[in-house]
PDB file of N, CA and C in Angstrom:
ATOM      1  N   UNK A   1      -6.828  16.825  -1.277  1.00  0.00           N
ATOM      2  CA  UNK A   1      -6.642  15.391  -1.407  1.00  0.00           C
ATOM      3  C   UNK A   1      -5.771  15.117  -2.637  1.00  0.00           C
ATOM      4  N   UNK A   2      -4.975  14.057  -2.559  1.00  0.00           N
ATOM      5  CA  UNK A   2      -4.076  13.639  -3.626  1.00  0.00           C
ATOM      6  C   UNK A   2      -4.454  12.217  -4.039  1.00  0.00           C
ATOM      7  N   UNK A   3      -4.441  11.937  -5.350  1.00  0.00           N
ATOM      8  CA  UNK A   3      -4.737  10.595  -5.860  1.00  0.00           C
ATOM      9  C   UNK A   3      -3.687  10.189  -6.880  1.00  0.00           C
ATOM     10  N   UNK A   4      -3.207   8.954  -6.733  1.00  0.00           N
ATOM     11  CA  UNK A   4      -2.273   8.362  -7.701  1.00  0.00           C
ATOM     12  C   UNK A   4      -2.976   7.153  -8.304  1.00  0.00           C
ATOM     13  N   UNK A   5      -3.099   7.127  -9.639  1.00  0.00           N
ATOM     14  CA  UNK A   5      -3.773   6.011 -10.309  1.00  0.00           C
ATOM     15  C   UNK A   5      -2.743   5.032 -10.850  1.00  0.00           C
ATOM     16  N   UNK A   6      -3.096   3.755 -10.793  1.00  0.00           N
ATOM     17  CA  UNK A   6      -2.238   2.683 -11.276  1.00  0.00           C
ATOM     18  C   UNK A   6      -3.023   1.892 -12.314  1.00  0.00           C
ATOM     19  N   UNK A   7      -2.348   1.436 -13.329  1.00  0.00           N
ATOM     20  CA  UNK A   7      -2.997   0.697 -14.402  1.00  0.00           C
ATOM     21  C   UNK A   7      -2.402  -0.711 -14.468  1.00  0.00           C
ATOM     22  N   UNK A   8      -2.562  -1.452 -13.394  1.00  0.00           N
ATOM     23  CA  UNK A   8      -2.028  -2.812 -13.324  1.00  0.00           C
ATOM     24  C   UNK A   8      -3.066  -3.754 -13.935  1.00  0.00           C
ATOM     25  N   UNK A   9      -2.663  -4.528 -14.908  1.00  0.00           N
ATOM     26  CA  UNK A   9      -3.615  -5.401 -15.623  1.00  0.00           C
ATOM     27  C   UNK A   9      -3.137  -6.850 -15.637  1.00  0.00           C
ATOM     28  N   UNK A  10      -4.099  -7.712 -15.917  1.00  0.00           N
ATOM     29  CA  UNK A  10      -3.778  -9.127 -16.080  1.00  0.00           C
ATOM     30  C   UNK A  10      -3.291  -9.764 -14.801  1.00  0.00           C
ATOM     31  N   UNK A  11      -2.220 -10.506 -14.900  1.00  0.00           N
ATOM     32  CA  UNK A  11      -1.711 -11.284 -13.772  1.00  0.00           C
ATOM     33  C   UNK A  11      -0.613 -10.560 -13.008  1.00  0.00           C
ATOM     34  N   UNK A  12      -0.374  -9.305 -13.334  1.00  0.00           N
ATOM     35  CA  UNK A  12       0.663  -8.546 -12.631  1.00  0.00           C
ATOM     36  C   UNK A  12       0.128  -7.981 -11.322  1.00  0.00           C
ATOM     37  N   UNK A  13       0.996  -7.897 -10.333  1.00  0.00           N
ATOM     38  CA  UNK A  13       0.598  -7.434  -9.002  1.00  0.00           C
ATOM     39  C   UNK A  13       1.455  -6.237  -8.587  1.00  0.00           C
ATOM     40  N   UNK A  14       0.871  -5.379  -7.783  1.00  0.00           N
ATOM     41  CA  UNK A  14       1.565  -4.242  -7.187  1.00  0.00           C
ATOM     42  C   UNK A  14       0.926  -4.067  -5.811  1.00  0.00           C
ATOM     43  N   UNK A  15       1.533  -4.651  -4.798  1.00  0.00           N
ATOM     44  CA  UNK A  15       0.897  -4.764  -3.491  1.00  0.00           C
ATOM     45  C   UNK A  15       1.845  -4.368  -2.364  1.00  0.00           C
ATOM     46  N   UNK A  16       1.275  -4.165  -1.190  1.00  0.00           N
ATOM     47  CA  UNK A  16       2.093  -3.911  -0.010  1.00  0.00           C
ATOM     48  C   UNK A  16       2.563  -5.228   0.586  1.00  0.00           C
ATOM     49  N   UNK A  17       3.761  -5.277   1.098  1.00  0.00           N
ATOM     50  CA  UNK A  17       4.202  -6.481   1.806  1.00  0.00           C
ATOM     51  C   UNK A  17       3.489  -6.562   3.160  1.00  0.00           C
ATOM     52  N   UNK A  18       3.242  -7.755   3.659  1.00  0.00           N
ATOM     53  CA  UNK A  18       2.480  -7.921   4.901  1.00  0.00           C
ATOM     54  C   UNK A  18       3.149  -7.316   6.128  1.00  0.00           C
ATOM     55  N   UNK A  19       4.471  -7.191   6.111  1.00  0.00           N
ATOM     56  CA  UNK A  19       5.149  -6.626   7.279  1.00  0.00           C
ATOM     57  C   UNK A  19       4.820  -5.148   7.489  1.00  0.00           C
ATOM     58  N   UNK A  20       4.157  -4.524   6.531  1.00  0.00           N
ATOM     59  CA  UNK A  20       3.719  -3.128   6.700  1.00  0.00           C
ATOM     60  C   UNK A  20       2.527  -3.018   7.652  1.00  0.00           C
ATOM     61  N   UNK A  21       1.754  -4.080   7.775  1.00  0.00           N
ATOM     62  CA  UNK A  21       0.544  -4.033   8.590  1.00  0.00           C
ATOM     63  C   UNK A  21       0.906  -3.888  10.068  1.00  0.00           C
ATOM     64  N   UNK A  22       0.242  -2.951  10.721  1.00  0.00           N
ATOM     65  CA  UNK A  22       0.470  -2.690  12.137  1.00  0.00           C
ATOM     66  C   UNK A  22       1.106  -1.335  12.339  1.00  0.00           C
ATOM     67  N   UNK A  23       1.582  -1.088  13.548  1.00  0.00           N
ATOM     68  CA  UNK A  23       2.266   0.168  13.869  1.00  0.00           C
ATOM     69  C   UNK A  23       3.722   0.040  13.463  1.00  0.00           C
ATOM     70  N   UNK A  24       4.206   1.039  12.724  1.00  0.00           N
ATOM     71  CA  UNK A  24       5.559   1.006  12.185  1.00  0.00           C
ATOM     72  C   UNK A  24       6.437   2.086  12.809  1.00  0.00           C
ATOM     73  N   UNK A  25       7.747   1.853  12.809  1.00  0.00           N
ATOM     74  CA  UNK A  25       8.700   2.836  13.320  1.00  0.00           C
ATOM     75  C   UNK A  25       8.610   4.150  12.553  1.00  0.00           C
ATOM     76  N   UNK A  26       8.126   4.116  11.337  1.00  0.00           N
ATOM     77  CA  UNK A  26       7.978   5.312  10.507  1.00  0.00           C
ATOM     78  C   UNK A  26       6.879   6.237  11.023  1.00  0.00           C
ATOM     79  N   UNK A  27       6.086   5.742  11.969  1.00  0.00           N
ATOM     80  CA  UNK A  27       4.959   6.510  12.482  1.00  0.00           C
ATOM     81  C   UNK A  27       3.644   6.149  11.813  1.00  0.00           C
ATOM     82  N   UNK A  28       3.704   5.381  10.736  1.00  0.00           N
ATOM     83  CA  UNK A  28       2.491   4.961  10.028  1.00  0.00           C
ATOM     84  C   UNK A  28       1.889   3.737  10.706  1.00  0.00           C
ATOM     85  N   UNK A  29       0.571   3.753  10.857  1.00  0.00           N
ATOM     86  CA  UNK A  29      -0.155   2.563  11.287  1.00  0.00           C
ATOM     87  C   UNK A  29      -0.973   2.097  10.096  1.00  0.00           C
ATOM     88  N   UNK A  30      -0.698   0.885   9.642  1.00  0.00           N
ATOM     89  CA  UNK A  30      -1.305   0.354   8.429  1.00  0.00           C
ATOM     90  C   UNK A  30      -2.279  -0.765   8.783  1.00  0.00           C
ATOM     91  N   UNK A  31      -3.472  -0.685   8.200  1.00  0.00           N
ATOM     92  CA  UNK A  31      -4.484  -1.728   8.368  1.00  0.00           C
ATOM     93  C   UNK A  31      -4.805  -2.297   7.002  1.00  0.00           C
ATOM     94  N   UNK A  32      -4.922  -3.605   6.942  1.00  0.00           N
ATOM     95  CA  UNK A  32      -5.266  -4.268   5.696  1.00  0.00           C
ATOM     96  C   UNK A  32      -5.285  -5.766   5.886  1.00  0.00           C
ATOM     97  N   UNK A  33      -6.024  -6.439   5.029  1.00  0.00           N
ATOM     98  CA  UNK A  33      -6.123  -7.901   5.084  1.00  0.00           C
ATOM     99  C   UNK A  33      -4.914  -8.518   4.381  1.00  0.00           C
ATOM    100  N   UNK A  34      -4.253  -9.424   5.081  1.00  0.00           N
ATOM    101  CA  UNK A  34      -3.116 -10.131   4.501  1.00  0.00           C
ATOM    102  C   UNK A  34      -3.639 -11.362   3.765  1.00  0.00           C
ATOM    103  N   UNK A  35      -3.363 -11.421   2.469  1.00  0.00           N
ATOM    104  CA  UNK A  35      -3.747 -12.572   1.648  1.00  0.00           C
ATOM    105  C   UNK A  35      -2.559 -13.521   1.590  1.00  0.00           C
ATOM    106  N   UNK A  36      -2.856 -14.810   1.534  1.00  0.00           N
ATOM    107  CA  UNK A  36      -1.776 -15.794   1.499  1.00  0.00           C
ATOM    108  C   UNK A  36      -2.108 -16.925   0.546  1.00  0.00           C
ATOM    109  N   UNK A  37      -1.178 -17.202  -0.345  1.00  0.00           N
ATOM    110  CA  UNK A  37      -1.253 -18.336  -1.257  1.00  0.00           C
ATOM    111  C   UNK A  37       0.188 -18.612  -1.679  1.00  0.00           C
ATOM    112  N   UNK A  38       0.933 -19.250  -0.822  1.00  0.00           N
ATOM    113  CA  UNK A  38       2.373 -19.475  -0.961  1.00  0.00           C
ATOM    114  C   UNK A  38       3.132 -18.174  -0.690  1.00  0.00           C
ATOM    115  N   UNK A  39       2.618 -17.068  -1.140  1.00  0.00           N
ATOM    116  CA  UNK A  39       3.195 -15.737  -0.978  1.00  0.00           C
ATOM    117  C   UNK A  39       2.182 -14.913  -0.176  1.00  0.00           C
ATOM    118  N   UNK A  40       2.632 -13.899   0.552  1.00  0.00           N
ATOM    119  CA  UNK A  40       1.722 -13.044   1.311  1.00  0.00           C
ATOM    120  C   UNK A  40       1.759 -11.622   0.774  1.00  0.00           C
ATOM    121  N   UNK A  41       0.579 -10.966   0.745  1.00  0.00           N
ATOM    122  CA  UNK A  41       0.489  -9.608   0.235  1.00  0.00           C
ATOM    123  C   UNK A  41      -0.753  -8.916   0.795  1.00  0.00           C
ATOM    124  N   UNK A  42      -0.795  -7.594   0.613  1.00  0.00           N
ATOM    125  CA  UNK A  42      -1.936  -6.772   1.028  1.00  0.00           C
ATOM    126  C   UNK A  42      -2.378  -5.952  -0.179  1.00  0.00           C
ATOM    127  N   UNK A  43      -3.656  -6.067  -0.546  1.00  0.00           N
ATOM    128  CA  UNK A  43      -4.204  -5.248  -1.631  1.00  0.00           C
ATOM    129  C   UNK A  43      -4.749  -3.936  -1.051  1.00  0.00           C
ATOM    130  N   UNK A  44      -5.982  -3.941  -0.604  1.00  0.00           N
ATOM    131  CA  UNK A  44      -6.601  -2.729  -0.062  1.00  0.00           C
ATOM    132  C   UNK A  44      -6.075  -2.460   1.343  1.00  0.00           C
ATOM    133  N   UNK A  45      -5.785  -1.200   1.612  1.00  0.00           N
ATOM    134  CA  UNK A  45      -5.214  -0.838   2.905  1.00  0.00           C
ATOM    135  C   UNK A  45      -5.664   0.560   3.308  1.00  0.00           C
ATOM    136  N   UNK A  46      -5.500   0.846   4.576  1.00  0.00           N
ATOM    137  CA  UNK A  46      -5.682   2.185   5.134  1.00  0.00           C
ATOM    138  C   UNK A  46      -4.495   2.433   6.045  1.00  0.00           C
ATOM    139  N   UNK A  47      -3.928   3.623   5.963  1.00  0.00           N
ATOM    140  CA  UNK A  47      -2.786   3.963   6.807  1.00  0.00           C
ATOM    141  C   UNK A  47      -2.993   5.351   7.387  1.00  0.00           C
ATOM    142  N   UNK A  48      -2.502   5.535   8.606  1.00  0.00           N
ATOM    143  CA  UNK A  48      -2.645   6.839   9.255  1.00  0.00           C
ATOM    144  C   UNK A  48      -1.346   7.211   9.963  1.00  0.00           C
ATOM    145  N   UNK A  49      -1.023   8.493   9.890  1.00  0.00           N
ATOM    146  CA  UNK A  49       0.195   9.034  10.501  1.00  0.00           C
ATOM    147  C   UNK A  49      -0.189  10.306  11.253  1.00  0.00           C
ATOM    148  N   UNK A  50       0.364  10.530  12.457  1.00  0.00           N
ATOM    149  CA  UNK A  50      -0.017  11.724  13.218  1.00  0.00           C
ATOM    150  C   UNK A  50       0.339  13.041  12.522  1.00  0.00           C
ATOM    151  N   UNK A  51       1.371  13.056  11.699  1.00  0.00           N
ATOM    152  CA  UNK A  51       1.774  14.283  10.997  1.00  0.00           C
ATOM    153  C   UNK A  51       1.201  14.362   9.586  1.00  0.00           C
ATOM    154  N   UNK A  52       1.212  13.233   8.855  1.00  0.00           N
ATOM    155  CA  UNK A  52       0.872  13.242   7.432  1.00  0.00           C
ATOM    156  C   UNK A  52      -0.579  12.890   7.119  1.00  0.00           C
ATOM    157  N   UNK A  53      -1.339  12.474   8.097  1.00  0.00           N
ATOM    158  CA  UNK A  53      -2.741  12.151   7.850  1.00  0.00           C
ATOM    159  C   UNK A  53      -2.930  10.736   7.338  1.00  0.00           C
ATOM    160  N   UNK A  54      -3.864  10.589   6.406  1.00  0.00           N
ATOM    161  CA  UNK A  54      -4.253   9.255   5.930  1.00  0.00           C
ATOM    162  C   UNK A  54      -3.828   9.010   4.488  1.00  0.00           C
ATOM    163  N   UNK A  55      -3.567   7.726   4.215  1.00  0.00           N
ATOM    164  CA  UNK A  55      -3.338   7.203   2.870  1.00  0.00           C
ATOM    165  C   UNK A  55      -4.154   5.924   2.782  1.00  0.00           C
ATOM    166  N   UNK A  56      -4.876   5.721   1.684  1.00  0.00           N
ATOM    167  CA  UNK A  56      -5.707   4.528   1.563  1.00  0.00           C
ATOM    168  C   UNK A  56      -5.918   4.170   0.100  1.00  0.00           C
ATOM    169  N   UNK A  57      -6.217   2.895  -0.140  1.00  0.00           N
ATOM    170  CA  UNK A  57      -6.515   2.453  -1.491  1.00  0.00           C
ATOM    171  C   UNK A  57      -5.920   1.100  -1.812  1.00  0.00           C
ATOM    172  N   UNK A  58      -5.562   0.926  -3.080  1.00  0.00           N
ATOM    173  CA  UNK A  58      -5.056  -0.329  -3.615  1.00  0.00           C
ATOM    174  C   UNK A  58      -4.038   0.031  -4.699  1.00  0.00           C
ATOM    175  N   UNK A  59      -2.808  -0.401  -4.563  1.00  0.00           N
ATOM    176  CA  UNK A  59      -1.750  -0.049  -5.508  1.00  0.00           C
ATOM    177  C   UNK A  59      -1.931  -0.680  -6.883  1.00  0.00           C
ATOM    178  N   UNK A  60      -2.982  -1.462  -7.070  1.00  0.00           N
ATOM    179  CA  UNK A  60      -3.288  -1.985  -8.395  1.00  0.00           C
ATOM    180  C   UNK A  60      -4.364  -1.144  -9.083  1.00  0.00           C
ATOM    181  N   UNK A  61      -4.990  -0.234  -8.343  1.00  0.00           N
ATOM    182  CA  UNK A  61      -6.065   0.608  -8.889  1.00  0.00           C
ATOM    183  C   UNK A  61      -5.744   2.074  -8.663  1.00  0.00           C
ATOM    184  N   UNK A  62      -6.001   2.563  -7.452  1.00  0.00           N
ATOM    185  CA  UNK A  62      -5.642   3.924  -7.109  1.00  0.00           C
ATOM    186  C   UNK A  62      -5.472   4.074  -5.607  1.00  0.00           C
ATOM    187  N   UNK A  63      -4.613   5.016  -5.251  1.00  0.00           N
ATOM    188  CA  UNK A  63      -4.318   5.288  -3.852  1.00  0.00           C
ATOM    189  C   UNK A  63      -4.585   6.771  -3.603  1.00  0.00           C
ATOM    190  N   UNK A  64      -5.260   7.049  -2.510  1.00  0.00           N
ATOM    191  CA  UNK A  64      -5.613   8.413  -2.127  1.00  0.00           C
ATOM    192  C   UNK A  64      -4.837   8.793  -0.874  1.00  0.00           C
ATOM    193  N   UNK A  65      -4.609  10.086  -0.717  1.00  0.00           N
ATOM    194  CA  UNK A  65      -3.920  10.582   0.466  1.00  0.00           C
ATOM    195  C   UNK A  65      -4.475  11.957   0.810  1.00  0.00           C
ATOM    196  N   UNK A  66      -4.378  12.300   2.082  1.00  0.00           N
ATOM    197  CA  UNK A  66      -4.793  13.635   2.499  1.00  0.00           C
ATOM    198  C   UNK A  66      -3.943  14.710   1.836  1.00  0.00           C
ATOM    199  N   UNK A  67      -2.682  14.355   1.497  1.00  0.00           N
ATOM    200  CA  UNK A  67      -1.793  15.312   0.831  1.00  0.00           C
ATOM    201  C   UNK A  67      -0.752  14.562   0.004  1.00  0.00           C
ATOM    202  N   UNK A  68      -0.170  15.247  -0.957  1.00  0.00           N
ATOM    203  CA  UNK A  68       0.895  14.641  -1.755  1.00  0.00           C
ATOM    204  C   UNK A  68       2.122  14.372  -0.881  1.00  0.00           C
ATOM    205  N   UNK A  69       2.391  15.276   0.065  1.00  0.00           N
ATOM    206  CA  UNK A  69       3.512  15.097   0.988  1.00  0.00           C
ATOM    207  C   UNK A  69       3.342  13.807   1.795  1.00  0.00           C
ATOM    208  N   UNK A  70       2.129  13.556   2.269  1.00  0.00           N
ATOM    209  CA  UNK A  70       1.856  12.334   3.015  1.00  0.00           C
ATOM    210  C   UNK A  70       2.019  11.094   2.160  1.00  0.00           C
ATOM    211  N   UNK A  71       1.544  11.161   0.912  1.00  0.00           N
ATOM    212  CA  UNK A  71       1.685  10.035  -0.016  1.00  0.00           C
ATOM    213  C   UNK A  71       3.167   9.720  -0.239  1.00  0.00           C
ATOM    214  N   UNK A  72       3.949  10.753  -0.497  1.00  0.00           N
ATOM    215  CA  UNK A  72       5.378  10.547  -0.750  1.00  0.00           C
ATOM    216  C   UNK A  72       6.088   9.957   0.469  1.00  0.00           C
ATOM    217  N   UNK A  73       5.726  10.425   1.667  1.00  0.00           N
ATOM    218  CA  UNK A  73       6.338   9.885   2.872  1.00  0.00           C
ATOM    219  C   UNK A  73       5.958   8.423   3.058  1.00  0.00           C
ATOM    220  N   UNK A  74       4.695   8.101   2.796  1.00  0.00           N
ATOM    221  CA  UNK A  74       4.254   6.707   2.923  1.00  0.00           C
ATOM    222  C   UNK A  74       5.032   5.810   1.961  1.00  0.00           C
ATOM    223  N   UNK A  75       5.140   6.222   0.705  1.00  0.00           N
ATOM    224  CA  UNK A  75       5.846   5.434  -0.324  1.00  0.00           C
ATOM    225  C   UNK A  75       7.322   5.259   0.030  1.00  0.00           C
ATOM    226  N   UNK A  76       7.942   6.305   0.556  1.00  0.00           N
ATOM    227  CA  UNK A  76       9.345   6.209   0.950  1.00  0.00           C
ATOM    228  C   UNK A  76       9.549   5.167   2.042  1.00  0.00           C
ATOM    229  N   UNK A  77       8.608   5.089   2.952  1.00  0.00           N
ATOM    230  CA  UNK A  77       8.713   4.166   4.082  1.00  0.00           C
ATOM    231  C   UNK A  77       8.102   2.792   3.826  1.00  0.00           C
ATOM    232  N   UNK A  78       7.133   2.718   2.929  1.00  0.00           N
ATOM    233  CA  UNK A  78       6.407   1.466   2.681  1.00  0.00           C
ATOM    234  C   UNK A  78       6.116   1.304   1.187  1.00  0.00           C
ATOM    235  N   UNK A  79       7.150   1.104   0.377  1.00  0.00           N
ATOM    236  CA  UNK A  79       6.928   0.984  -1.069  1.00  0.00           C
ATOM    237  C   UNK A  79       6.210  -0.320  -1.423  1.00  0.00           C
ATOM    238  N   UNK A  80       5.335  -0.261  -2.438  1.00  0.00           N
ATOM    239  CA  UNK A  80       4.682  -1.486  -2.891  1.00  0.00           C
ATOM    240  C   UNK A  80       5.681  -2.381  -3.623  1.00  0.00           C
ATOM    241  N   UNK A  81       5.335  -3.653  -3.699  1.00  0.00           N
ATOM    242  CA  UNK A  81       6.167  -4.629  -4.409  1.00  0.00           C
ATOM    243  C   UNK A  81       5.468  -5.028  -5.707  1.00  0.00           C
ATOM    244  N   UNK A  82       6.207  -5.078  -6.781  1.00  0.00           N
ATOM    245  CA  UNK A  82       5.688  -5.546  -8.065  1.00  0.00           C
ATOM    246  C   UNK A  82       6.078  -7.008  -8.231  1.00  0.00           C
ATOM    247  N   UNK A  83       5.098  -7.831  -8.587  1.00  0.00           N
ATOM    248  CA  UNK A  83       5.353  -9.249  -8.777  1.00  0.00           C
ATOM    249  C   UNK A  83       4.288  -9.815  -9.705  1.00  0.00           C
ATOM    250  N   UNK A  84       4.238 -11.113  -9.885  1.00  0.00           N
ATOM    251  CA  UNK A  84       3.346 -11.760 -10.836  1.00  0.00           C
ATOM    252  C   UNK A  84       2.483 -12.781 -10.106  1.00  0.00           C
ATOM    253  N   UNK A  85       1.144 -12.606 -10.164  1.00  0.00           N
ATOM    254  CA  UNK A  85       0.242 -13.551  -9.508  1.00  0.00           C
ATOM    255  C   UNK A  85       0.434 -14.975 -10.047  1.00  0.00           C
ATOM    256  N   UNK A  86       0.857 -15.111 -11.283  1.00  0.00           N
ATOM    257  CA  UNK A  86       1.051 -16.432 -11.866  1.00  0.00           C
ATOM    258  C   UNK A  86       2.235 -17.173 -11.232  1.00  0.00           C
ATOM    259  N   UNK A  87       3.068 -16.462 -10.487  1.00  0.00           N
ATOM    260  CA  UNK A  87       4.207 -17.113  -9.850  1.00  0.00           C
ATOM    261  C   UNK A  87       3.789 -17.930  -8.618  1.00  0.00           C
ATOM    262  N   UNK A  88       2.544 -17.745  -8.167  1.00  0.00           N
ATOM    263  CA  UNK A  88       2.126 -18.501  -6.965  1.00  0.00           C
ATOM    264  C   UNK A  88       1.310 -19.675  -7.316  1.00  0.00           C
TER     265      UNK A  88
END
């Protein structure tokens, strides 16, 4: 298992964009609750790929993956967005 820790504090955000949710051309199927307040984002998520396995977590805390290779592939295809919660 591979884990990447994030130290996002205060009003800063590091989240998945909502268009990642569902089945993607990349082969990843992403599940997560879409939050909306003028802007849309996903905090906690689970993703699965037939080749790379699972990736899950929250880009503001920590994200786990079955392998580092799977994590890197997920990030390449579905990078998180950094923004500011105070902007909404």
